Amino acid sequence: AENLLCRLQENFQALTEKLTLRNILFGRWVTFNFLLEEMGERINDLEKRVADLMTEAGVENSDEELK
C-alpha cells in the first residue's frame, strides 16, 4: 500500500508539473499573439499615415510604386 501511495504521489507531481508548464506556455502564447496583433495595428496605422502624407504632398499612391 505504501508503494502504491508513493507511485500515486509521483504521478500527481508529474501531472502538476505538466499542467504548470502548459499554463506558462499558454500564457506566453497569448502574450505573443497580443503583441503580434498590436504590431499589425501599428503597421496599418503607419501605412495610412504615409498614404495621407503622400496625398497631401500630391504624390500618386499605387501598389506598384511601393514595391
N, C-alpha and C. Protein backbone atom coordinates (compact mmCIF):
# COMPACT_ATOMS: atom_id res chain seq x y z
N ALA A 1 0.83 -1.19 0.00
CA ALA A 1 0.00 0.00 0.00
C ALA A 1 0.87 1.25 0.00
N GLU A 2 1.98 1.20 0.72
CA GLU A 2 2.88 2.36 0.77
C GLU A 2 3.49 2.62 -0.59
N ASN A 3 3.85 1.55 -1.29
CA ASN A 3 4.42 1.68 -2.63
C ASN A 3 3.41 2.31 -3.59
N LEU A 4 2.17 1.88 -3.48
CA LEU A 4 1.12 2.44 -4.34
C LEU A 4 0.93 3.93 -4.05
N LEU A 5 0.96 4.30 -2.78
CA LEU A 5 0.82 5.71 -2.40
C LEU A 5 1.97 6.54 -2.96
N CYS A 6 3.18 6.01 -2.90
CA CYS A 6 4.35 6.72 -3.47
C CYS A 6 4.19 6.90 -4.97
N ARG A 7 3.74 5.88 -5.67
CA ARG A 7 3.56 5.97 -7.13
C ARG A 7 2.47 6.99 -7.46
N LEU A 8 1.39 6.98 -6.68
CA LEU A 8 0.33 7.96 -6.91
C LEU A 8 0.84 9.38 -6.69
N GLN A 9 1.63 9.59 -5.66
CA GLN A 9 2.20 10.92 -5.40
C GLN A 9 3.13 11.35 -6.52
N GLU A 10 3.94 10.42 -7.02
CA GLU A 10 4.85 10.74 -8.13
C GLU A 10 4.06 11.10 -9.38
N ASN A 11 3.01 10.32 -9.67
CA ASN A 11 2.19 10.60 -10.86
C ASN A 11 1.48 11.95 -10.72
N PHE A 12 0.99 12.24 -9.52
CA PHE A 12 0.33 13.52 -9.28
C PHE A 12 1.30 14.67 -9.44
N GLN A 13 2.50 14.51 -8.94
CA GLN A 13 3.52 15.55 -9.06
C GLN A 13 3.89 15.79 -10.52
N ALA A 14 4.04 14.69 -11.28
CA ALA A 14 4.38 14.82 -12.70
C ALA A 14 3.26 15.53 -13.46
N LEU A 15 2.01 15.17 -13.14
CA LEU A 15 0.87 15.81 -13.79
C LEU A 15 0.81 17.29 -13.43
N THR A 16 1.06 17.62 -12.19
CA THR A 16 1.06 19.02 -11.75
C THR A 16 2.12 19.82 -12.50
N GLU A 17 3.31 19.25 -12.66
CA GLU A 17 4.38 19.94 -13.39
C GLU A 17 4.01 20.15 -14.85
N LYS A 18 3.40 19.15 -15.48
CA LYS A 18 2.99 19.28 -16.88
C LYS A 18 1.93 20.38 -17.03
N LEU A 19 0.96 20.40 -16.12
CA LEU A 19 -0.09 21.42 -16.19
C LEU A 19 0.48 22.82 -15.95
N THR A 20 1.41 22.92 -15.03
CA THR A 20 2.04 24.21 -14.77
C THR A 20 2.80 24.70 -16.00
N LEU A 21 3.56 23.81 -16.62
CA LEU A 21 4.29 24.16 -17.84
C LEU A 21 3.33 24.55 -18.96
N ARG A 22 2.26 23.80 -19.10
CA ARG A 22 1.27 24.10 -20.14
C ARG A 22 0.66 25.48 -19.90
N ASN A 23 0.35 25.81 -18.66
CA ASN A 23 -0.21 27.13 -18.35
C ASN A 23 0.79 28.25 -18.64
N ILE A 24 2.05 28.02 -18.32
CA ILE A 24 3.09 29.02 -18.60
C ILE A 24 3.20 29.23 -20.11
N LEU A 25 3.26 28.13 -20.87
CA LEU A 25 3.39 28.25 -22.32
C LEU A 25 2.16 28.89 -22.94
N PHE A 26 0.99 28.55 -22.43
CA PHE A 26 -0.24 29.16 -22.96
C PHE A 26 -0.24 30.66 -22.68
N GLY A 27 0.17 31.06 -21.48
CA GLY A 27 0.24 32.48 -21.14
C GLY A 27 1.19 33.23 -22.05
N ARG A 28 2.32 32.61 -22.35
CA ARG A 28 3.28 33.26 -23.26
C ARG A 28 2.73 33.34 -24.67
N TRP A 29 2.00 32.29 -25.11
CA TRP A 29 1.40 32.29 -26.44
C TRP A 29 0.37 33.41 -26.55
N VAL A 30 -0.45 33.58 -25.50
CA VAL A 30 -1.46 34.65 -25.52
C VAL A 30 -0.77 36.01 -25.60
N THR A 31 0.28 36.19 -24.81
CA THR A 31 1.03 37.45 -24.83
C THR A 31 1.64 37.70 -26.21
N PHE A 32 2.24 36.67 -26.80
CA PHE A 32 2.86 36.78 -28.12
C PHE A 32 1.81 37.15 -29.16
N ASN A 33 0.64 36.49 -29.10
CA ASN A 33 -0.44 36.78 -30.03
C ASN A 33 -0.90 38.22 -29.90
N PHE A 34 -1.03 38.70 -28.67
CA PHE A 34 -1.44 40.08 -28.43
C PHE A 34 -0.43 41.05 -29.04
N LEU A 35 0.85 40.76 -28.83
CA LEU A 35 1.89 41.65 -29.37
C LEU A 35 1.87 41.66 -30.89
N LEU A 36 1.63 40.50 -31.51
CA LEU A 36 1.55 40.46 -32.98
C LEU A 36 0.38 41.29 -33.48
N GLU A 37 -0.77 41.18 -32.81
CA GLU A 37 -1.93 41.97 -33.21
C GLU A 37 -1.66 43.46 -33.05
N GLU A 38 -1.02 43.81 -31.94
CA GLU A 38 -0.69 45.21 -31.68
C GLU A 38 0.26 45.75 -32.76
N MET A 39 1.26 44.95 -33.12
CA MET A 39 2.21 45.36 -34.15
C MET A 39 1.50 45.52 -35.49
N GLY A 40 0.59 44.60 -35.80
CA GLY A 40 -0.17 44.69 -37.05
C GLY A 40 -0.99 45.96 -37.12
N GLU A 41 -1.62 46.32 -35.99
CA GLU A 41 -2.41 47.57 -35.95
C GLU A 41 -1.53 48.78 -36.14
N ARG A 42 -0.34 48.76 -35.55
CA ARG A 42 0.57 49.90 -35.70
C ARG A 42 1.07 50.03 -37.13
N ILE A 43 1.33 48.89 -37.77
CA ILE A 43 1.77 48.92 -39.18
C ILE A 43 0.66 49.48 -40.06
N ASN A 44 -0.57 49.03 -39.82
CA ASN A 44 -1.71 49.55 -40.60
C ASN A 44 -1.85 51.05 -40.40
N ASP A 45 -1.71 51.51 -39.17
CA ASP A 45 -1.80 52.94 -38.88
C ASP A 45 -0.69 53.71 -39.59
N LEU A 46 0.52 53.16 -39.55
CA LEU A 46 1.65 53.81 -40.22
C LEU A 46 1.42 53.89 -41.73
N GLU A 47 0.91 52.81 -42.33
CA GLU A 47 0.63 52.82 -43.77
C GLU A 47 -0.40 53.88 -44.12
N LYS A 48 -1.43 54.01 -43.27
CA LYS A 48 -2.45 55.03 -43.52
C LYS A 48 -1.86 56.43 -43.42
N ARG A 49 -1.03 56.65 -42.41
CA ARG A 49 -0.41 57.98 -42.25
C ARG A 49 0.50 58.31 -43.43
N VAL A 50 1.26 57.33 -43.90
CA VAL A 50 2.14 57.56 -45.06
C VAL A 50 1.29 57.88 -46.28
N ALA A 51 0.20 57.14 -46.48
CA ALA A 51 -0.68 57.40 -47.63
C ALA A 51 -1.28 58.79 -47.53
N ASP A 52 -1.69 59.19 -46.32
CA ASP A 52 -2.24 60.54 -46.12
C ASP A 52 -1.21 61.62 -46.44
N LEU A 53 0.03 61.41 -45.99
CA LEU A 53 1.09 62.38 -46.27
C LEU A 53 1.39 62.46 -47.76
N MET A 54 1.37 61.29 -48.42
CA MET A 54 1.62 61.28 -49.86
C MET A 54 0.51 62.03 -50.59
N THR A 55 -0.73 61.85 -50.13
CA THR A 55 -1.85 62.56 -50.74
C THR A 55 -1.71 64.07 -50.55
N GLU A 56 -1.35 64.46 -49.32
CA GLU A 56 -1.14 65.89 -49.04
C GLU A 56 -0.03 66.47 -49.91
N ALA A 57 0.98 65.65 -50.19
CA ALA A 57 2.12 66.13 -50.99
C ALA A 57 1.83 66.05 -52.48
N GLY A 58 0.69 65.47 -52.84
CA GLY A 58 0.33 65.37 -54.25
C GLY A 58 1.03 64.23 -54.96
N VAL A 59 1.49 63.25 -54.23
CA VAL A 59 2.16 62.10 -54.82
C VAL A 59 1.14 61.00 -55.03
N GLU A 60 1.16 60.40 -56.24
CA GLU A 60 0.25 59.28 -56.51
C GLU A 60 0.68 58.08 -55.67
N ASN A 61 -0.31 57.37 -55.18
CA ASN A 61 -0.03 56.20 -54.33
C ASN A 61 -0.60 54.97 -55.00
N SER A 62 0.29 54.13 -55.54
CA SER A 62 -0.16 52.87 -56.12
C SER A 62 0.70 51.73 -55.58
N ASP A 63 0.15 50.54 -55.59
CA ASP A 63 0.89 49.40 -55.08
C ASP A 63 2.17 49.14 -55.86
N GLU A 64 2.12 49.37 -57.16
CA GLU A 64 3.33 49.13 -57.97
C GLU A 64 4.47 50.06 -57.56
N GLU A 65 4.13 51.32 -57.24
CA GLU A 65 5.17 52.27 -56.86
C GLU A 65 5.80 51.93 -55.51
N LEU A 66 5.02 51.29 -54.64
CA LEU A 66 5.52 50.98 -53.31
C LEU A 66 6.40 49.73 -53.29
N LYS A 67 6.34 48.93 -54.37
CA LYS A 67 7.11 47.66 -54.38
C LYS A 67 8.51 47.85 -54.85
